[in-house]
Protein backbone atom coordinates (compact mmCIF):
# COMPACT_ATOMS: atom_id res chain seq x y z
CA LEU A 1 -109.81 -116.67 176.01
CA GLN A 2 -108.24 -119.41 178.51
CA GLU A 3 -109.25 -122.13 176.18
CA ASP A 4 -106.86 -120.54 173.49
CA ARG A 5 -104.04 -120.99 176.12
CA ASP A 6 -104.50 -124.59 176.73
CA PRO A 7 -101.04 -125.90 176.20
CA THR A 8 -102.80 -129.43 175.18
CA ARG A 9 -104.09 -127.81 171.88
CA ALA A 10 -100.69 -126.44 170.90
CA LYS A 11 -98.43 -128.63 169.08
CA ALA A 12 -94.97 -128.90 170.33
CA ASN A 13 -93.13 -128.82 167.02
CA ILE A 14 -94.80 -125.46 165.96
CA VAL A 15 -93.75 -123.92 169.18
CA VAL A 16 -90.27 -125.38 168.77
CA THR A 17 -90.12 -124.17 165.17
CA GLU A 18 -91.31 -120.59 166.39
CA LYS A 19 -88.60 -120.64 169.07
CA ASN A 20 -85.86 -121.76 166.46
CA ASN A 21 -86.91 -118.94 163.93
CA ARG A 22 -86.51 -116.47 166.80
CA HIS A 23 -83.07 -117.74 167.46
CA GLU A 24 -82.30 -117.46 163.75
CA LYS A 25 -83.43 -113.98 163.98
CA ARG A 26 -81.51 -113.13 167.19
CA ILE A 27 -78.27 -114.37 165.22
CA ALA A 28 -78.96 -112.32 162.32
CA LYS A 29 -79.53 -109.07 164.51
CA LEU A 30 -76.34 -109.72 166.35
CA THR A 31 -74.33 -110.11 163.22
CA GLU A 32 -76.01 -106.85 161.90
CA LEU A 33 -75.40 -104.96 165.19
CA LEU A 34 -71.85 -106.49 165.33
CA GLU A 35 -71.08 -105.12 161.54
CA GLU A 36 -72.50 -101.58 162.50
CA ARG A 37 -70.08 -101.46 165.51
CA LYS A 38 -67.29 -102.27 163.06
CA GLU A 39 -68.19 -99.70 160.81
CA GLN A 40 -68.35 -97.29 163.51
CA LEU A 41 -64.81 -98.08 164.74
CA ALA A 42 -63.48 -97.95 161.17
CA ASP A 43 -65.03 -94.53 160.41
CA HIS A 44 -63.40 -93.45 163.78
CA ALA A 45 -60.00 -94.81 162.82
CA SER A 46 -59.85 -93.35 159.31
CA GLY A 47 -61.19 -89.81 160.84
CA HIS A 48 -64.35 -89.87 158.68
CA ARG A 49 -66.62 -89.74 161.57
CA LYS A 50 -64.79 -89.25 164.89
CA LEU A 51 -66.17 -90.40 168.19
CA SER A 52 -66.21 -88.98 171.65
CA THR A 53 -64.04 -90.83 174.12
CA GLU A 54 -67.16 -91.92 175.81
CA ASP A 55 -68.84 -93.22 172.61
CA HIS A 56 -65.63 -94.82 171.42
CA SER A 57 -65.32 -96.81 174.80
CA ARG A 58 -69.10 -97.82 174.52
CA VAL A 59 -68.81 -98.98 170.90
CA LEU A 60 -65.62 -100.83 171.46
CA ARG A 61 -67.55 -102.77 174.55
CA GLN A 62 -70.66 -103.30 172.62
CA ARG A 63 -68.30 -104.66 169.69
CA SER A 64 -66.86 -107.01 172.34
CA ASN A 65 -69.93 -108.15 173.72
CA PHE A 66 -71.63 -109.04 170.53
CA GLU A 67 -68.65 -110.96 169.44
CA LYS A 68 -68.68 -113.13 172.49
CA LYS A 69 -72.36 -113.46 172.29
CA LEU A 70 -72.39 -114.43 168.72
CA LYS A 71 -69.53 -116.94 168.97
CA GLN A 72 -71.15 -118.32 172.05
CA ILE A 73 -74.39 -118.87 169.81
CA GLN A 74 -72.42 -120.25 167.00
CA SER A 75 -70.38 -122.67 168.95
CA MET A 76 -73.39 -124.41 170.29
CA THR A 77 -73.83 -128.09 169.32
CA LYS A 78 -77.15 -129.27 167.55
CA GLN A 79 -77.94 -131.28 170.75
CA GLU A 80 -77.42 -127.99 172.95
CA ARG A 81 -79.38 -125.96 170.46
CA ALA A 82 -82.31 -128.61 170.56
CA GLU A 83 -82.12 -128.88 174.43
CA MET A 84 -82.38 -125.15 174.49
CA MET A 85 -85.33 -124.85 172.09
CA LYS A 86 -87.01 -127.64 173.90
CA ASN A 87 -86.58 -125.66 177.35
CA GLU A 88 -87.93 -122.52 176.02
CA ALA A 89 -90.88 -124.34 174.53
CA GLU A 90 -91.67 -125.70 177.80
CA ALA A 91 -91.42 -122.56 179.63
CA ALA A 92 -93.74 -120.99 177.01
CA ASP A 93 -96.22 -123.70 177.70
CA ARG A 94 -96.17 -123.07 181.27
CA MET A 95 -96.54 -119.45 180.78
CA ASN A 96 -99.25 -119.84 178.48
CA SER A 97 -101.31 -122.32 180.60
CA LEU A 98 -101.54 -119.91 183.63
CA ASP A 99 -105.09 -118.87 184.25
CA TYR A 100 -105.94 -115.33 183.77
CA LEU A 101 -106.58 -113.34 186.95
CA ASP A 102 -109.86 -111.81 187.33
CA PHE A 103 -109.60 -108.08 188.85
CA GLU A 104 -112.05 -106.26 190.36
CA TRP A 105 -111.62 -102.71 190.13
CA LYS A 106 -112.80 -100.34 192.71
CA LYS A 107 -114.90 -97.39 191.85
């Protein structure tokens, strides 16, 4: 198994592509979550589906957080994004290159 984790066998561009795909999925998921929160607040405001005070404040907070995160991600320059992908790929390489630990189970 350790030979499969050898970072010299991995192609850097494949790792970066995988990280980039994950990044795109994250943007899509944040957009989806943000739309759900906006719908919940619209339903609450129209009286269609009232939220409890606690749920309303939670949904408001989540909407705000999702908006901030999405804005932060979308405002990244190509250079910043490429640097982030490179750093994530290097971190994955370091993690994958660690030796497996052999545990001796006591009976």
